[in-house]
Amino acid sequence: MIILEKNKDFCVVVKPHNTLSEHGNMGMPELIAQELCLSADQVFPVHRLDLLTGGLMVYALSQSAAARLSSDISQGKMQKYYLGITGTLPEGMEPEGIWEDYLYYDRNVQKAFIVTKSRKGVKQAVLDYKVMDQTEGCTLILFHLHTGRTHQIRVQCASRRVPLIGDRRYGSAAKSDLALWSCGLSFPHPVTHKQLTYTYYPDTSGKPWNLFPDLMHIELPDQ
C-alpha cells in the first residue's frame, strides 16, 4: 500500500491487487489505520474497488469528511478513470465510444449480468472508453466511469467479447492478475471544495502491463 496524501480529513492511497477495499481481514481501512497509528474505526470507506482491482482510492478520516465525500460521490462529483487490458478488439468495435447497459448483480453467485429490461435490482451502467494502444494481441483501454456498479467494467467488456485479461470470472483464459487499475481520481476537497486530482499508474514491470511501458505518459481528459 502507498499513501499519496494524508491530512486530517482524508487520505489518498494506492490499493494493491487482492486486498479488500472495505473493513475486513486486513482490508484497506485496517492497513491505513496501522500505517497512520489510528484505530480502524477512524478510517471511513466512501467508495470501493473490487478485491482483484488495484489503484487509487480515497478514505475519509473523520465522520464529517465521510458525509461530505459520500454526498459528492452520490451526486456524481467524483470522476474515476481506469486502465484495462483486453485481447484483440472484435471486428467492428469502434476505438472509442460510450457503453450503456442495464446490470443485475446476483449476490448468490457474486457475478454481474447484462439484462435487457429494467426490474428490481437492475441498475443502469454507463461508461466511456478510448483505445490507447495495441500490441501483441493485447489492447490498452482507458475507461471513464459515469456510474459505479459492481463489476461494471468487467461485465461490460465481457459482454462485448473483450474480457479483461486475467478476469477468469468473466471469460478470460489468461492466468494473471486482473488487468484493471484505478489510475485517476478527481473530487472536491470535503472542506474547501477545491477540485483535487490524483493519478497513479500500474507497475509496468509485470505481465501484462509490461506490454505497454509508455502508459505512464498517458494524459487523462480534463477532470
Protein backbone atom coordinates (compact mmCIF):
# COMPACT_ATOMS: atom_id res chain seq x y z
CA MET A 1 0.00 0.00 0.00
CA ILE A 2 1.17 3.52 -0.86
CA ILE A 3 -0.19 6.69 0.76
CA LEU A 4 -0.08 9.60 -1.69
CA GLU A 5 -1.62 12.22 0.56
CA LYS A 6 -2.79 12.40 4.15
CA ASN A 7 -4.41 15.23 6.11
CA LYS A 8 -6.92 15.43 8.97
CA ASP A 9 -9.87 14.98 6.62
CA PHE A 10 -8.88 12.23 4.19
CA CYS A 11 -6.08 10.17 2.70
CA VAL A 12 -5.48 9.11 -0.90
CA VAL A 13 -3.92 5.69 -1.23
CA VAL A 14 -2.95 3.06 -3.79
CA LYS A 15 -4.75 -0.22 -3.11
CA PRO A 16 -2.84 -3.37 -4.09
CA HIS A 17 -4.50 -6.16 -6.06
CA ASN A 18 -6.19 -8.83 -3.93
CA THR A 19 -6.83 -6.51 -0.98
CA LEU A 20 -10.27 -5.72 0.44
CA SER A 21 -11.25 -2.09 -0.04
CA GLU A 22 -13.61 -2.18 2.95
CA HIS A 23 -13.31 -3.26 6.58
CA GLY A 24 -12.36 -6.91 6.92
CA ASN A 25 -9.46 -9.25 7.43
CA MET A 26 -6.60 -6.78 6.93
CA GLY A 27 -8.61 -4.73 4.48
CA MET A 28 -7.56 -1.25 3.43
CA PRO A 29 -9.07 0.52 6.48
CA GLU A 30 -7.06 -1.75 8.77
CA LEU A 31 -3.87 -1.26 6.72
CA ILE A 32 -4.34 2.52 6.66
CA ALA A 33 -5.02 2.63 10.39
CA GLN A 34 -1.90 0.60 11.06
CA GLU A 35 0.22 2.91 8.89
CA LEU A 36 -1.21 6.12 10.39
CA CYS A 37 -1.35 4.87 14.00
CA LEU A 38 -5.14 5.13 14.13
CA SER A 39 -7.88 2.71 15.08
CA ALA A 40 -9.69 1.07 12.16
CA ASP A 41 -12.97 2.79 13.09
CA GLN A 42 -11.29 6.15 12.38
CA VAL A 43 -10.93 5.22 8.69
CA PHE A 44 -14.14 5.60 6.66
CA PRO A 45 -14.57 3.95 3.22
CA VAL A 46 -16.60 6.21 0.91
CA HIS A 47 -16.30 4.16 -2.29
CA ARG A 48 -14.97 0.73 -3.18
CA LEU A 49 -12.82 -1.23 -5.60
CA ASP A 50 -13.21 -4.92 -6.42
CA LEU A 51 -10.92 -7.21 -4.48
CA LEU A 52 -8.98 -8.02 -7.66
CA THR A 53 -8.65 -4.40 -8.83
CA GLY A 54 -5.75 -2.19 -7.73
CA GLY A 55 -5.18 1.54 -7.81
CA LEU A 56 -6.30 4.88 -6.41
CA MET A 57 -8.82 5.24 -3.60
CA VAL A 58 -9.77 7.97 -1.13
CA TYR A 59 -10.72 7.32 2.50
CA ALA A 60 -12.23 9.82 4.92
CA LEU A 61 -10.55 10.27 8.30
CA SER A 62 -13.47 11.98 10.04
CA GLN A 63 -17.23 11.47 10.07
CA SER A 64 -17.87 14.94 8.65
CA ALA A 65 -15.47 14.35 5.73
CA ALA A 66 -17.04 10.93 5.13
CA ALA A 67 -20.51 12.51 4.92
CA ARG A 68 -19.33 15.20 2.51
CA LEU A 69 -17.35 12.84 0.26
CA SER A 70 -20.20 10.32 0.18
CA SER A 71 -22.65 13.08 -0.76
CA ASP A 72 -20.37 14.36 -3.53
CA ILE A 73 -19.92 10.84 -4.91
CA SER A 74 -23.69 10.23 -4.93
CA GLN A 75 -24.09 13.49 -6.88
CA GLY A 76 -21.53 12.40 -9.48
CA LYS A 77 -18.87 14.89 -8.41
CA MET A 78 -16.10 12.28 -8.26
CA GLN A 79 -14.52 11.39 -11.60
CA LYS A 80 -12.98 7.90 -11.86
CA TYR A 81 -10.60 6.68 -14.57
CA TYR A 82 -9.33 3.16 -15.09
CA LEU A 83 -6.85 1.44 -17.35
CA GLY A 84 -7.61 -2.06 -18.53
CA ILE A 85 -6.03 -4.57 -20.89
CA THR A 86 -8.11 -6.85 -23.10
CA GLY A 87 -7.34 -9.09 -26.03
CA THR A 88 -7.79 -8.09 -29.67
CA LEU A 89 -10.89 -5.99 -30.29
CA PRO A 90 -13.68 -7.77 -32.19
CA GLU A 91 -14.27 -6.62 -35.76
CA GLY A 92 -16.48 -3.56 -35.94
CA MET A 93 -15.79 -2.29 -32.43
CA GLU A 94 -15.03 1.43 -32.51
CA PRO A 95 -11.77 2.67 -30.92
CA GLU A 96 -13.73 4.96 -28.62
CA GLY A 97 -17.32 5.40 -27.56
CA ILE A 98 -19.92 5.09 -24.82
CA TRP A 99 -21.32 1.86 -23.38
CA GLU A 100 -24.76 1.94 -21.79
CA ASP A 101 -26.26 -1.21 -20.28
CA TYR A 102 -28.56 -2.45 -17.56
CA LEU A 103 -26.79 -4.60 -14.98
CA TYR A 104 -28.07 -7.05 -12.42
CA TYR A 105 -25.65 -8.22 -9.74
CA ASP A 106 -26.51 -11.67 -8.35
CA ARG A 107 -25.09 -11.84 -4.83
CA ASN A 108 -25.65 -15.58 -4.68
CA VAL A 109 -23.07 -16.22 -7.39
CA GLN A 110 -21.21 -12.89 -6.92
CA LYS A 111 -21.44 -12.07 -10.59
CA ALA A 112 -23.00 -9.28 -12.68
CA PHE A 113 -25.14 -9.84 -15.77
CA ILE A 114 -26.28 -7.63 -18.63
CA VAL A 115 -30.09 -7.64 -18.84
CA THR A 116 -32.46 -6.15 -21.38
CA LYS A 117 -35.26 -4.94 -19.13
CA SER A 118 -35.36 -2.80 -16.06
CA ARG A 119 -36.67 -4.59 -12.94
CA LYS A 120 -36.00 -4.80 -9.23
CA GLY A 121 -32.26 -4.84 -8.55
CA VAL A 122 -31.32 -3.74 -12.08
CA LYS A 123 -29.21 -0.59 -12.41
CA GLN A 124 -28.11 1.45 -15.39
CA ALA A 125 -24.37 1.31 -16.11
CA VAL A 126 -22.65 3.94 -18.26
CA LEU A 127 -19.00 4.49 -19.15
CA ASP A 128 -16.95 5.91 -21.97
CA TYR A 129 -13.81 4.26 -23.26
CA LYS A 130 -10.88 5.01 -25.54
CA VAL A 131 -8.33 2.60 -27.00
CA MET A 132 -4.87 3.91 -26.13
CA ASP A 133 -2.57 1.29 -27.66
CA GLN A 134 -2.45 -2.21 -29.16
CA THR A 135 0.39 -4.73 -29.33
CA GLU A 136 0.93 -8.49 -29.45
CA GLY A 137 -2.79 -9.23 -29.47
CA CYS A 138 -3.48 -7.04 -26.44
CA THR A 139 -5.37 -3.74 -26.21
CA LEU A 140 -4.86 -0.98 -23.63
CA ILE A 141 -8.11 0.87 -22.91
CA LEU A 142 -8.84 3.96 -20.80
CA PHE A 143 -12.26 3.86 -19.10
CA HIS A 144 -14.15 6.77 -17.56
CA LEU A 145 -16.99 5.69 -15.30
CA HIS A 146 -20.25 7.64 -15.27
CA THR A 147 -21.77 5.14 -12.84
CA GLY A 148 -20.08 2.89 -10.30
CA ARG A 149 -21.77 -0.51 -10.45
CA THR A 150 -20.32 -3.72 -9.03
CA HIS A 151 -18.04 -5.36 -11.64
CA GLN A 152 -19.23 -2.75 -14.17
CA ILE A 153 -16.16 -2.50 -16.38
CA ARG A 154 -15.56 -6.24 -16.16
CA VAL A 155 -19.01 -7.30 -17.31
CA GLN A 156 -19.39 -4.54 -19.90
CA CYS A 157 -16.13 -5.67 -21.51
CA ALA A 158 -17.04 -9.36 -21.35
CA SER A 159 -20.47 -8.77 -22.88
CA ARG A 160 -18.74 -7.27 -25.92
CA ARG A 161 -16.41 -10.26 -26.30
CA VAL A 162 -13.37 -8.44 -24.91
CA PRO A 163 -12.96 -9.71 -21.33
CA LEU A 164 -10.20 -8.11 -19.33
CA ILE A 165 -7.03 -10.19 -19.21
CA GLY A 166 -6.94 -12.26 -16.04
CA ASP A 167 -10.68 -11.95 -15.44
CA ARG A 168 -11.48 -15.65 -15.29
CA ARG A 169 -14.90 -14.99 -13.75
CA TYR A 170 -15.94 -13.20 -16.93
CA GLY A 171 -14.32 -15.35 -19.58
CA SER A 172 -10.58 -14.67 -19.72
CA ALA A 173 -8.33 -17.72 -20.01
CA ALA A 174 -5.18 -15.80 -19.03
CA LYS A 175 -3.59 -16.86 -15.74
CA SER A 176 -2.57 -13.47 -14.39
CA ASP A 177 -3.85 -10.80 -12.05
CA LEU A 178 -6.89 -8.91 -13.28
CA ALA A 179 -5.62 -6.25 -15.71
CA LEU A 180 -7.73 -3.42 -14.34
CA TRP A 181 -6.32 -0.41 -12.49
CA SER A 182 -7.83 2.73 -10.97
CA CYS A 183 -5.47 5.35 -12.44
CA GLY A 184 -7.26 8.65 -11.90
CA LEU A 185 -9.47 10.29 -9.25
CA SER A 186 -10.85 13.81 -9.18
CA PHE A 187 -13.13 15.10 -6.41
CA PRO A 188 -13.88 18.25 -4.38
CA HIS A 189 -11.99 18.70 -1.11
CA PRO A 190 -14.56 17.90 1.61
CA VAL A 191 -13.85 21.17 3.45
CA THR A 192 -12.52 23.74 0.96
CA HIS A 193 -14.40 22.27 -2.04
CA LYS A 194 -11.36 22.86 -4.23
CA GLN A 195 -11.21 20.27 -7.02
CA LEU A 196 -8.39 17.78 -6.38
CA THR A 197 -6.90 15.44 -8.99
CA TYR A 198 -4.68 12.41 -8.49
CA THR A 199 -3.11 9.99 -10.94
CA TYR A 200 -1.13 6.82 -10.36
CA TYR A 201 -0.25 4.20 -12.95
CA PRO A 202 0.29 0.44 -12.59
CA ASP A 203 3.74 -1.08 -12.31
CA THR A 204 4.87 -1.93 -15.83
CA SER A 205 7.46 -4.49 -14.76
CA GLY A 206 4.95 -7.35 -14.56
CA LYS A 207 2.61 -9.01 -17.04
CA PRO A 208 0.56 -7.89 -18.87
CA TRP A 209 1.32 -4.22 -18.11
CA ASN A 210 4.89 -4.70 -19.35
CA LEU A 211 3.49 -4.78 -22.89
CA PHE A 212 2.76 -1.04 -22.54
CA PRO A 213 5.86 0.54 -20.96
CA ASP A 214 4.83 4.05 -22.02
CA LEU A 215 1.42 4.02 -20.34
CA MET A 216 2.66 6.38 -17.62
CA HIS A 217 2.74 9.12 -20.25
CA ILE A 218 -0.99 8.79 -20.86
CA GLU A 219 -2.78 12.07 -20.15
CA LEU A 220 -6.24 11.81 -18.69
CA PRO A 221 -9.02 14.03 -20.08
CA ASP A 222 -9.71 17.29 -18.28
CA GLN A 223 -11.25 16.32 -14.98
